[in-house]
């Protein structure tokens, strides 16, 4: 090829690059700034630190809910949405009297259950380290490890007075996002409020259709024996949440349950699609579930024509200051339609968080993170690790805002005063909180300790039936929900 042709090709390429730079000079300028800071800044930040700061600064200009998701957080987020986690399958609780960590129950198909670990076994050591109050958080976290991780667990069985040391393997197990009033020793859930006054009770109600294992309750004269309300707690809005809740509500409608306690306290949200599916389980077809505001346009999202409400009985929705995002969509939908009696519903508790924006999650592909950089300084080795065991990062970008079905503002801006309209407020006369309990006002620390102990016992399957009545005695919003259903009877 003649040299002059090569020169022309080179000139055209230079012109193309220059034109592209002139059309959008910011990416090139940003790279230049990053290089200058990396070379000349007195603190000599790493490229990773500069990258994180640059991306965070860029997304912070959108709003407080947009941001960079590093690989470590991105993995946790995916586990939450996909409702899977790595675990050996031991649910534990702390025995205050004996100062010991005990097994509450083991999860189905877990390594712990297959190894024969049973409720009330005492946890002595993990990976050869005896459990103490100082190292317990670090050691107990090993029970939830990445899949295929081996964890050595030493236990003591009081009934046989024998110690056992076993090597358990972490497996990926499903995580239930819809939980009940308390877990039972077989790891299933009790979905009734068992202390609620009822017409009858027999052994069949403990595993009733509104209860734990999907088997229909024993019946008297063709009807379920209990009219106690169901209690379901939504931990998050994941991929399986709607299916889990639909199964429970369908079984519950086959009983005489007088209503439903839907506990959304502490629920920070999740998938919008799941929230809308759940709204459709309660309200009529073509009913507005939420209003979405995009770029200048407001679009109502309605229940599809083919949808049929599953639950038609009264609903008490428990909310607090940590109820946010998708959980606020469900609470607002039930409250607005509850005023019309479709179905009858009230919100009980305290004002919600006020996160009324919708984020799109964008996958950035494999990225280095602290776990790579702590072990290696050679970038060639780091990128080799990334290719072999990729850890993905992402971006969270706010793209839409939502209002309640009646058009009430949900989102709380950073400068929003308390007097403005945001979040979901409890219905009139139904505002209450744990902090209003007389025991809390008398001894906050003691109350919190007792509350945490009860919560751990309920979650681990170790709360004896003789103590079930302690829960509403401490939980004022739950007690008010019981009052609501008593008034409805």
Protein backbone atom coordinates (compact mmCIF):
# COMPACT_ATOMS: atom_id res chain seq x y z
CA UNK A 1 0.00 0.00 0.00
CA UNK A 2 1.42 3.44 -0.92
CA UNK A 3 2.61 5.53 2.01
CA UNK A 4 0.27 8.39 1.13
CA UNK A 5 -2.70 6.05 1.62
CA UNK A 6 -1.42 5.16 5.08
CA UNK A 7 -1.11 8.87 5.92
CA UNK A 8 -4.67 9.48 4.76
CA UNK A 9 -5.98 6.61 6.86
CA UNK A 10 -4.10 7.90 9.90
CA UNK A 11 -5.42 11.43 9.34
CA UNK A 12 -9.00 10.21 9.04
CA UNK A 13 -8.67 8.19 12.25
CA UNK A 14 -7.29 11.22 14.09
CA UNK A 15 -10.14 13.34 12.76
CA UNK A 16 -12.66 10.71 13.89
CA UNK A 17 -11.21 10.58 17.42
CA UNK A 18 -11.09 14.38 17.65
CA UNK A 19 -14.69 14.68 16.44
CA UNK A 20 -15.86 12.15 19.01
CA UNK A 21 -14.02 14.03 21.75
CA UNK A 22 -15.53 17.35 20.66
CA UNK A 23 -19.02 15.83 20.60
CA UNK A 24 -18.70 14.46 24.16
CA UNK A 25 -15.52 15.70 25.86
CA UNK A 26 -16.57 14.84 29.44
CA UNK A 27 -15.53 11.14 29.59
CA UNK A 28 -12.05 11.97 28.34
CA UNK A 29 -11.79 14.93 30.70
CA UNK A 30 -12.93 12.78 33.62
CA UNK A 31 -10.26 10.17 32.87
CA UNK A 32 -7.67 12.95 32.67
CA UNK A 33 -8.75 14.32 36.06
CA UNK A 34 -8.58 10.87 37.63
CA UNK A 35 -5.03 10.42 36.34
CA UNK A 36 -3.97 13.85 37.64
CA UNK A 37 -5.43 13.23 41.09
CA UNK A 38 -3.90 9.77 41.27
CA UNK A 39 -0.45 11.09 40.35
CA UNK A 40 -0.32 14.37 42.25
CA UNK A 41 -2.70 14.29 45.23
CA UNK A 42 -0.96 14.45 48.59
CA UNK A 43 -3.00 11.54 50.01
CA UNK A 44 -2.30 9.31 46.97
CA UNK A 45 -5.73 7.59 46.84
CA UNK A 46 -5.96 4.26 45.07
CA UNK A 47 -7.67 3.90 41.71
CA UNK A 48 -10.46 1.98 43.42
CA UNK A 49 -11.05 4.81 45.90
CA UNK A 50 -11.06 7.39 43.11
CA UNK A 51 -13.46 5.29 41.06
CA UNK A 52 -15.89 4.85 43.97
CA UNK A 53 -15.77 8.55 44.85
CA UNK A 54 -16.28 9.61 41.23
CA UNK A 55 -19.26 7.32 40.66
CA UNK A 56 -20.84 8.19 44.02
CA UNK A 57 -20.46 11.89 43.30
CA UNK A 58 -21.97 11.49 39.84
CA UNK A 59 -25.03 9.62 41.09
CA UNK A 60 -25.49 11.81 44.17
CA UNK A 61 -26.41 14.62 41.78
CA UNK A 62 -29.62 12.67 40.96
CA UNK A 63 -30.93 12.04 44.47
CA UNK A 64 -30.06 10.42 47.79
CA UNK A 65 -31.29 6.98 46.70
CA UNK A 66 -29.09 6.65 43.60
CA UNK A 67 -25.62 5.22 43.97
CA UNK A 68 -22.90 2.74 43.11
CA UNK A 69 -23.37 -0.83 44.33
CA UNK A 70 -19.98 -2.47 45.03
CA UNK A 71 -19.67 -6.22 44.40
CA UNK A 72 -19.98 -7.18 48.08
CA UNK A 73 -23.31 -5.35 48.44
CA UNK A 74 -24.49 -6.42 44.97
CA UNK A 75 -24.18 -10.08 45.95
CA UNK A 76 -26.21 -9.51 49.12
CA UNK A 77 -28.85 -7.63 47.12
CA UNK A 78 -29.16 -10.47 44.63
CA UNK A 79 -29.47 -13.01 47.44
CA UNK A 80 -32.25 -10.94 49.02
CA UNK A 81 -34.21 -10.55 45.78
CA UNK A 82 -33.66 -14.17 44.68
CA UNK A 83 -34.40 -15.33 48.27
CA UNK A 84 -31.42 -17.65 48.55
CA UNK A 85 -28.57 -17.69 51.00
CA UNK A 86 -25.60 -19.85 51.92
CA UNK A 87 -26.06 -21.48 55.32
CA UNK A 88 -25.38 -24.66 57.28
CA UNK A 89 -29.00 -24.45 58.45
CA UNK A 90 -28.79 -23.76 62.20
CA UNK A 91 -31.19 -21.25 63.77
CA UNK A 92 -30.04 -20.39 67.28
CA UNK A 93 -31.08 -18.41 70.35
CA UNK A 94 -29.33 -17.24 73.52
CA UNK A 95 -30.30 -18.86 76.80
CA UNK A 96 -30.00 -16.01 79.32
CA UNK A 97 -30.27 -18.29 82.34
CA UNK A 98 -27.47 -20.64 81.28
CA UNK A 99 -25.53 -18.07 79.22
CA UNK A 100 -25.42 -20.50 76.31
CA UNK A 101 -26.28 -20.43 72.62
CA UNK A 102 -28.79 -23.15 71.83
CA UNK A 103 -30.23 -24.58 68.62
CA UNK A 104 -33.81 -23.48 68.04
CA UNK A 105 -34.35 -25.61 64.94
CA UNK A 106 -32.60 -26.69 61.75
CA UNK A 107 -33.71 -25.87 58.21
CA UNK A 108 -35.03 -28.54 55.82
CA UNK A 109 -32.41 -30.04 53.46
CA UNK A 110 -29.61 -28.34 55.37
CA UNK A 111 -26.31 -29.89 56.38
CA UNK A 112 -27.19 -29.39 60.05
CA UNK A 113 -30.44 -31.34 59.80
CA UNK A 114 -28.79 -34.16 57.85
CA UNK A 115 -26.08 -34.31 60.53
CA UNK A 116 -28.71 -34.91 63.21
CA UNK A 117 -28.38 -31.62 65.11
CA UNK A 118 -31.55 -31.11 67.15
CA UNK A 119 -33.42 -28.33 68.99
CA UNK A 120 -31.98 -27.53 72.44
CA UNK A 121 -28.47 -28.72 71.47
CA UNK A 122 -25.91 -26.32 72.95
CA UNK A 123 -23.39 -24.68 70.61
CA UNK A 124 -19.96 -25.00 72.23
CA UNK A 125 -17.47 -23.99 69.54
CA UNK A 126 -17.20 -23.11 65.86
CA UNK A 127 -14.09 -23.94 63.84
CA UNK A 128 -12.31 -24.90 67.05
CA UNK A 129 -12.94 -21.60 68.88
CA UNK A 130 -15.11 -21.78 72.02
CA UNK A 131 -18.10 -19.44 71.90
CA UNK A 132 -17.81 -16.46 74.24
CA UNK A 133 -19.74 -13.22 74.53
CA UNK A 134 -16.83 -11.40 72.86
CA UNK A 135 -16.36 -13.60 69.79
CA UNK A 136 -19.95 -14.87 69.36
CA UNK A 137 -20.97 -12.41 66.60
CA UNK A 138 -17.90 -13.29 64.51
CA UNK A 139 -18.16 -17.06 65.02
CA UNK A 140 -21.94 -17.32 64.63
CA UNK A 141 -21.74 -15.43 61.33
CA UNK A 142 -19.84 -18.45 59.95
CA UNK A 143 -23.10 -20.40 60.08
CA UNK A 144 -24.10 -18.24 57.09
CA UNK A 145 -21.16 -18.64 54.71
CA UNK A 146 -20.71 -18.87 50.93
CA UNK A 147 -21.83 -22.19 49.50
CA UNK A 148 -19.50 -25.18 49.89
CA UNK A 149 -17.75 -23.56 52.87
CA UNK A 150 -16.95 -26.13 55.56
CA UNK A 151 -17.74 -25.15 59.15
CA UNK A 152 -16.75 -27.29 62.13
CA UNK A 153 -19.41 -27.16 64.86
CA UNK A 154 -19.14 -28.67 68.34
CA UNK A 155 -22.43 -29.27 70.17
CA UNK A 156 -23.59 -30.70 73.49
CA UNK A 157 -26.87 -32.61 73.87
CA UNK A 158 -28.31 -32.23 77.39
CA UNK A 159 -30.58 -35.29 77.10
CA UNK A 160 -27.67 -37.68 76.48
CA UNK A 161 -24.91 -35.59 78.09
CA UNK A 162 -22.78 -36.14 74.97
CA UNK A 163 -20.58 -33.81 72.94
CA UNK A 164 -20.32 -34.06 69.15
CA UNK A 165 -17.98 -32.35 66.71
CA UNK A 166 -19.18 -32.32 63.11
CA UNK A 167 -18.09 -30.69 59.87
CA UNK A 168 -21.06 -29.01 58.22
CA UNK A 169 -21.16 -27.66 54.67
CA UNK A 170 -22.89 -24.43 53.72
CA UNK A 171 -25.56 -24.95 51.05
CA UNK A 172 -27.65 -22.48 49.10
CA UNK A 173 -31.10 -22.69 50.66
CA UNK A 174 -34.32 -20.78 49.98
CA UNK A 175 -35.16 -17.92 52.32
CA UNK A 176 -38.79 -17.45 53.29
CA UNK A 177 -39.84 -13.83 52.94
CA UNK A 178 -43.32 -14.40 54.40
CA UNK A 179 -43.07 -15.45 58.03
CA UNK A 180 -45.68 -16.03 60.71
CA UNK A 181 -46.33 -15.35 64.36
CA UNK A 182 -43.68 -17.83 65.50
CA UNK A 183 -41.57 -20.62 64.07
CA UNK A 184 -42.28 -24.11 65.39
CA UNK A 185 -39.61 -26.66 66.38
CA UNK A 186 -39.97 -28.44 63.02
CA UNK A 187 -38.99 -25.10 61.34
CA UNK A 188 -42.49 -24.47 59.90
CA UNK A 189 -44.46 -21.34 60.81
CA UNK A 190 -47.59 -20.74 62.87
CA UNK A 191 -49.60 -18.19 60.86
CA UNK A 192 -52.45 -17.74 63.35
CA UNK A 193 -52.63 -15.43 66.33
CA UNK A 194 -52.94 -18.28 68.84
CA UNK A 195 -53.74 -16.13 71.88
CA UNK A 196 -56.72 -14.54 70.13
CA UNK A 197 -60.06 -15.54 71.78
CA UNK A 198 -61.63 -18.35 69.78
CA UNK A 199 -64.66 -20.57 69.80
CA UNK A 200 -62.78 -23.87 70.07
CA UNK A 201 -59.31 -25.29 69.96
CA UNK A 202 -57.90 -28.73 69.44
CA UNK A 203 -54.65 -30.26 68.32
CA UNK A 204 -55.54 -29.80 64.66
CA UNK A 205 -55.43 -26.00 64.83
CA UNK A 206 -51.72 -25.95 65.53
CA UNK A 207 -51.13 -27.12 62.00
CA UNK A 208 -54.20 -25.58 60.42
CA UNK A 209 -54.73 -24.29 56.92
CA UNK A 210 -53.95 -20.84 58.23
CA UNK A 211 -50.96 -22.24 60.02
CA UNK A 212 -47.76 -23.92 59.17
CA UNK A 213 -47.53 -26.77 56.78
CA UNK A 214 -50.33 -26.43 54.25
CA UNK A 215 -52.46 -29.25 55.68
CA UNK A 216 -56.13 -28.31 56.19
CA UNK A 217 -57.22 -27.73 59.77
CA UNK A 218 -59.35 -30.29 61.51
CA UNK A 219 -63.00 -29.26 61.27
CA UNK A 220 -66.06 -29.41 63.48
CA UNK A 221 -69.44 -29.65 61.70
CA UNK A 222 -67.66 -28.99 58.43
CA UNK A 223 -65.98 -25.73 59.55
CA UNK A 224 -62.49 -24.91 60.82
CA UNK A 225 -62.37 -24.71 64.58
CA UNK A 226 -60.74 -21.27 64.90
CA UNK A 227 -61.82 -17.79 63.88
CA UNK A 228 -58.54 -16.21 64.97
CA UNK A 229 -56.99 -13.82 62.43
CA UNK A 230 -53.97 -14.76 60.38
CA UNK A 231 -50.66 -13.06 61.08
CA UNK A 232 -48.12 -12.71 58.27
CA UNK A 233 -44.95 -10.68 58.28
CA UNK A 234 -43.33 -9.65 55.00
CA UNK A 235 -39.57 -9.51 55.52
CA UNK A 236 -38.86 -8.21 52.00
CA UNK A 237 -40.38 -8.09 48.51
CA UNK A 238 -38.44 -10.78 46.66
CA UNK A 239 -39.09 -12.96 43.63
CA UNK A 240 -41.06 -15.58 45.61
CA UNK A 241 -42.85 -13.30 48.09
CA UNK A 242 -46.10 -13.00 46.11
CA UNK A 243 -46.31 -16.76 45.58
CA UNK A 244 -45.67 -17.45 49.28
CA UNK A 245 -48.30 -14.95 50.40
CA UNK A 246 -50.84 -16.14 47.82
CA UNK A 247 -50.59 -19.71 49.14
CA UNK A 248 -51.10 -18.58 52.75
CA UNK A 249 -54.05 -16.30 51.95
CA UNK A 250 -55.72 -18.95 49.80
CA UNK A 251 -55.52 -21.50 52.63
CA UNK A 252 -56.62 -18.87 55.13
CA UNK A 253 -59.78 -18.07 53.17
CA UNK A 254 -60.76 -21.73 53.57
CA UNK A 255 -60.94 -21.22 57.35
CA UNK A 256 -63.06 -19.02 59.63
CA UNK A 257 -60.17 -16.58 60.16
CA UNK A 258 -61.83 -13.26 60.93
CA UNK A 259 -59.10 -11.16 59.32
CA UNK A 260 -55.44 -10.66 58.54
CA UNK A 261 -52.62 -8.88 60.34
CA UNK A 262 -50.14 -7.81 57.65
CA UNK A 263 -46.93 -6.80 59.42
CA UNK A 264 -44.79 -4.48 57.28
CA UNK A 265 -42.70 -3.07 60.14
CA UNK A 266 -39.01 -2.96 59.33
CA UNK A 267 -39.65 -3.88 55.68
CA UNK A 268 -37.40 -1.67 53.54
CA UNK A 269 -38.99 -2.74 50.24
CA UNK A 270 -37.78 -4.71 47.26
CA UNK A 271 -39.20 -5.50 43.85
CA UNK A 272 -41.94 -3.17 42.55
CA UNK A 273 -43.47 -6.03 40.53
CA UNK A 274 -43.94 -8.04 43.72
CA UNK A 275 -45.59 -5.13 45.53
CA UNK A 276 -48.11 -4.71 42.70
CA UNK A 277 -48.87 -8.44 42.65
CA UNK A 278 -49.61 -8.28 46.38
CA UNK A 279 -51.86 -5.22 46.01
CA UNK A 280 -53.86 -7.17 43.43
CA UNK A 281 -54.57 -9.88 46.04
CA UNK A 282 -56.73 -7.45 48.04
CA UNK A 283 -58.40 -4.87 45.74
CA UNK A 284 -60.87 -5.23 42.89
CA UNK A 285 -59.91 -5.49 39.21
CA UNK A 286 -59.25 -2.17 37.46
CA UNK A 287 -58.61 -0.55 40.85
CA UNK A 288 -55.67 1.86 40.94
CA UNK A 289 -52.84 0.34 42.98
CA UNK A 290 -50.31 3.18 42.62
CA UNK A 291 -49.67 6.23 40.47
CA UNK A 292 -46.26 6.35 38.77
CA UNK A 293 -44.66 9.68 37.83
CA UNK A 294 -42.04 9.38 35.11
CA UNK A 295 -40.50 12.23 33.12
CA UNK A 296 -43.36 14.70 33.41
CA UNK A 297 -46.20 12.16 33.08
CA UNK A 298 -48.41 10.55 35.73
CA UNK A 299 -49.59 7.02 34.94
CA UNK A 300 -52.00 5.03 37.14
CA UNK A 301 -51.17 1.34 37.52
CA UNK A 302 -54.35 -0.71 37.83
CA UNK A 303 -55.22 -4.27 38.74
CA UNK A 304 -55.46 -6.35 35.53
CA UNK A 305 -58.90 -7.42 34.33
CA UNK A 306 -58.10 -11.09 34.80
CA UNK A 307 -57.05 -10.63 38.45
CA UNK A 308 -59.38 -11.85 41.21
CA UNK A 309 -58.97 -10.70 44.84
CA UNK A 310 -57.82 -13.51 47.10
CA UNK A 311 -58.44 -11.90 50.49
CA UNK A 312 -61.79 -10.15 51.12
CA UNK A 313 -61.84 -9.96 54.94
CA UNK A 314 -60.63 -7.08 57.17
CA UNK A 315 -56.91 -6.28 57.20
CA UNK A 316 -54.81 -4.59 59.89
CA UNK A 317 -51.53 -3.30 58.41
CA UNK A 318 -48.72 -2.73 60.93
CA UNK A 319 -46.28 0.03 59.90
CA UNK A 320 -43.41 1.95 61.48
CA UNK A 321 -40.61 4.39 60.62
CA UNK A 322 -38.63 1.64 58.86
CA UNK A 323 -41.47 0.67 56.49
CA UNK A 324 -40.28 1.93 53.11
CA UNK A 325 -40.52 1.78 49.33
CA UNK A 326 -42.49 -1.25 48.07
CA UNK A 327 -43.87 -1.80 51.57
CA UNK A 328 -45.26 1.75 51.50
CA UNK A 329 -46.93 1.04 48.15
CA UNK A 330 -48.84 -1.88 49.69
CA UNK A 331 -49.69 0.04 52.88
CA UNK A 332 -50.92 3.09 50.94
CA UNK A 333 -52.97 0.96 48.55
CA UNK A 334 -54.72 -0.91 51.37
CA UNK A 335 -55.28 2.29 53.34
CA UNK A 336 -56.81 4.24 50.43
CA UNK A 337 -59.08 1.39 49.35
CA UNK A 338 -59.76 0.47 52.97
CA UNK A 339 -61.50 3.80 53.45
CA UNK A 340 -64.02 2.57 50.89
CA UNK A 341 -64.26 -0.86 52.51
CA UNK A 342 -62.68 -2.65 49.53
CA UNK A 343 -61.48 -4.45 51.64
CA UNK A 344 -61.89 -2.91 55.09
CA UNK A 345 -58.35 -2.06 56.15
CA UNK A 346 -56.57 0.20 58.63
CA UNK A 347 -52.90 1.09 59.12
CA UNK A 348 -51.73 0.78 62.73
CA UNK A 349 -48.44 1.96 64.22
CA UNK A 350 -46.33 4.97 63.28
CA UNK A 351 -45.56 7.03 60.18
CA UNK A 352 -43.55 5.24 57.50
CA UNK A 353 -40.10 6.20 56.19
CA UNK A 354 -41.18 8.07 53.06
CA UNK A 355 -39.21 6.55 50.18
CA UNK A 356 -41.38 7.19 47.16
CA UNK A 357 -38.87 6.77 44.34
CA UNK A 358 -38.26 3.76 42.12
CA UNK A 359 -34.70 2.69 41.29
CA UNK A 360 -33.57 0.79 38.23
CA UNK A 361 -30.64 -1.55 38.89
CA UNK A 362 -28.00 -1.78 36.16
CA UNK A 363 -25.45 -4.59 36.10
CA UNK A 364 -21.90 -3.32 35.49
CA UNK A 365 -20.45 -6.77 35.02
CA UNK A 366 -17.37 -8.18 36.80
CA UNK A 367 -15.55 -5.62 38.96
CA UNK A 368 -12.72 -5.76 41.51
CA UNK A 369 -13.65 -5.19 45.12
CA UNK A 370 -11.99 -5.09 48.53
CA UNK A 371 -11.83 -8.87 48.83
CA UNK A 372 -9.61 -9.01 45.73
CA UNK A 373 -7.50 -5.99 46.58
CA UNK A 374 -6.77 -7.04 50.15
CA UNK A 375 -4.98 -10.17 48.91
CA UNK A 376 -3.31 -8.99 45.70
CA UNK A 377 -1.47 -5.89 44.55
CA UNK A 378 -0.66 -7.12 41.06
CA UNK A 379 -3.48 -6.03 38.75
CA UNK A 380 -2.81 -8.90 36.35
CA UNK A 381 -3.51 -11.36 39.17
CA UNK A 382 -6.58 -9.39 40.24
CA UNK A 383 -8.10 -9.45 36.75
CA UNK A 384 -7.31 -13.14 36.45
CA UNK A 385 -9.32 -13.72 39.63
CA UNK A 386 -12.14 -11.59 38.27
CA UNK A 387 -12.31 -13.64 35.09
CA UNK A 388 -12.25 -16.94 37.01
CA UNK A 389 -14.65 -15.97 39.83
CA UNK A 390 -16.47 -12.83 38.66
CA UNK A 391 -18.06 -10.57 41.26
CA UNK A 392 -20.51 -8.17 39.76
CA UNK A 393 -21.20 -4.56 40.65
CA UNK A 394 -24.06 -2.30 39.70
CA UNK A 395 -25.68 1.11 39.63
CA UNK A 396 -28.88 2.17 41.34
CA UNK A 397 -30.54 5.08 39.48
CA UNK A 398 -33.81 6.71 40.54
CA UNK A 399 -36.02 6.85 37.46
CA UNK A 400 -39.59 7.29 38.71
CA UNK A 401 -41.65 8.48 41.67
CA UNK A 402 -44.90 7.05 42.96
CA UNK A 403 -48.02 8.37 44.70
CA UNK A 404 -50.76 6.53 46.58
CA UNK A 405 -53.91 5.50 44.66
CA UNK A 406 -55.62 8.71 45.85
CA UNK A 407 -52.63 10.80 44.75
CA UNK A 408 -50.95 11.37 48.12
CA UNK A 409 -47.21 12.08 48.12
CA UNK A 410 -45.16 9.22 49.58
CA UNK A 411 -41.62 10.53 49.08
CA UNK A 412 -39.88 12.50 51.79
CA UNK A 413 -37.28 14.87 50.38
CA UNK A 414 -34.20 15.71 52.49
CA UNK A 415 -35.68 19.09 53.45
CA UNK A 416 -39.29 17.92 53.92
CA UNK A 417 -40.70 19.11 57.28
CA UNK A 418 -42.83 16.82 59.44
CA UNK A 419 -45.92 18.88 58.66
CA UNK A 420 -45.78 18.10 54.94
CA UNK A 421 -47.53 15.19 53.26
CA UNK A 422 -45.16 12.23 52.91
CA UNK A 423 -45.07 8.58 53.90
CA UNK A 424 -48.09 6.66 55.12
CA UNK A 425 -49.63 7.78 58.40
CA UNK A 426 -51.65 5.43 60.62
CA UNK A 427 -55.40 5.79 60.38
CA UNK A 428 -56.94 8.23 62.83
CA UNK A 429 -56.96 6.81 66.35
CA UNK A 430 -54.60 3.95 65.47
CA UNK A 431 -51.22 5.61 66.02
CA UNK A 432 -49.06 3.76 68.55
CA UNK A 433 -45.55 2.41 68.97
CA UNK A 434 -43.40 0.16 71.09
CA UNK A 435 -41.90 3.18 72.85
CA UNK A 436 -45.32 4.04 74.33
CA UNK A 437 -45.37 0.83 76.36
CA UNK A 438 -45.25 1.58 80.14
CA UNK A 439 -42.40 -0.90 80.61
CA UNK A 440 -40.38 0.83 77.88
CA UNK A 441 -40.85 4.23 79.49
CA UNK A 442 -39.84 2.83 82.85
CA UNK A 443 -36.79 0.81 81.69
CA UNK A 444 -35.95 1.24 77.96
CA UNK A 445 -32.86 -0.97 78.06
CA UNK A 446 -34.60 -3.78 79.90
CA UNK A 447 -37.58 -3.61 77.57
CA UNK A 448 -35.35 -3.72 74.47
CA UNK A 449 -33.48 -6.72 75.85
CA UNK A 450 -36.71 -8.60 76.54
CA UNK A 451 -38.07 -7.65 73.11
CA UNK A 452 -34.95 -8.87 71.29
CA UNK A 453 -34.99 -12.13 73.24
CA UNK A 454 -38.62 -12.80 72.30
CA UNK A 455 -37.91 -11.91 68.66
CA UNK A 456 -34.96 -14.32 68.51
CA UNK A 457 -36.95 -17.10 70.17
CA UNK A 458 -39.82 -16.65 67.69
CA UNK A 459 -37.47 -16.67 64.69
CA UNK A 460 -35.49 -19.72 65.83
CA UNK A 461 -38.43 -21.95 66.76
CA UNK A 462 -37.57 -21.93 70.45
CA UNK A 463 -40.48 -19.92 71.92
CA UNK A 464 -42.58 -22.33 74.03
CA UNK A 465 -46.35 -22.10 73.64
CA UNK A 466 -46.64 -21.15 77.30
CA UNK A 467 -44.92 -17.85 76.46
CA UNK A 468 -46.83 -16.95 73.27
CA UNK A 469 -49.01 -14.52 75.22
CA UNK A 470 -45.96 -12.40 76.10
CA UNK A 471 -45.74 -11.14 72.51
CA UNK A 472 -48.92 -9.00 72.37
CA UNK A 473 -48.28 -7.98 75.97
CA UNK A 474 -45.15 -6.18 74.74
CA UNK A 475 -46.16 -5.42 71.15
CA UNK A 476 -48.65 -2.52 71.40
CA UNK A 477 -49.38 -2.25 67.64
CA UNK A 478 -50.14 -5.99 67.51
CA UNK A 479 -52.38 -5.63 70.58
CA UNK A 480 -54.23 -2.76 68.85
CA UNK A 481 -54.68 -4.95 65.78
CA UNK A 482 -56.30 -7.58 68.00
CA UNK A 483 -58.59 -4.84 69.38
CA UNK A 484 -59.53 -3.94 65.80
CA UNK A 485 -60.66 -7.48 65.04
CA UNK A 486 -62.49 -7.81 68.35
CA UNK A 487 -64.51 -4.72 67.44
CA UNK A 488 -65.27 -6.23 64.03
CA UNK A 489 -66.67 -9.48 65.46
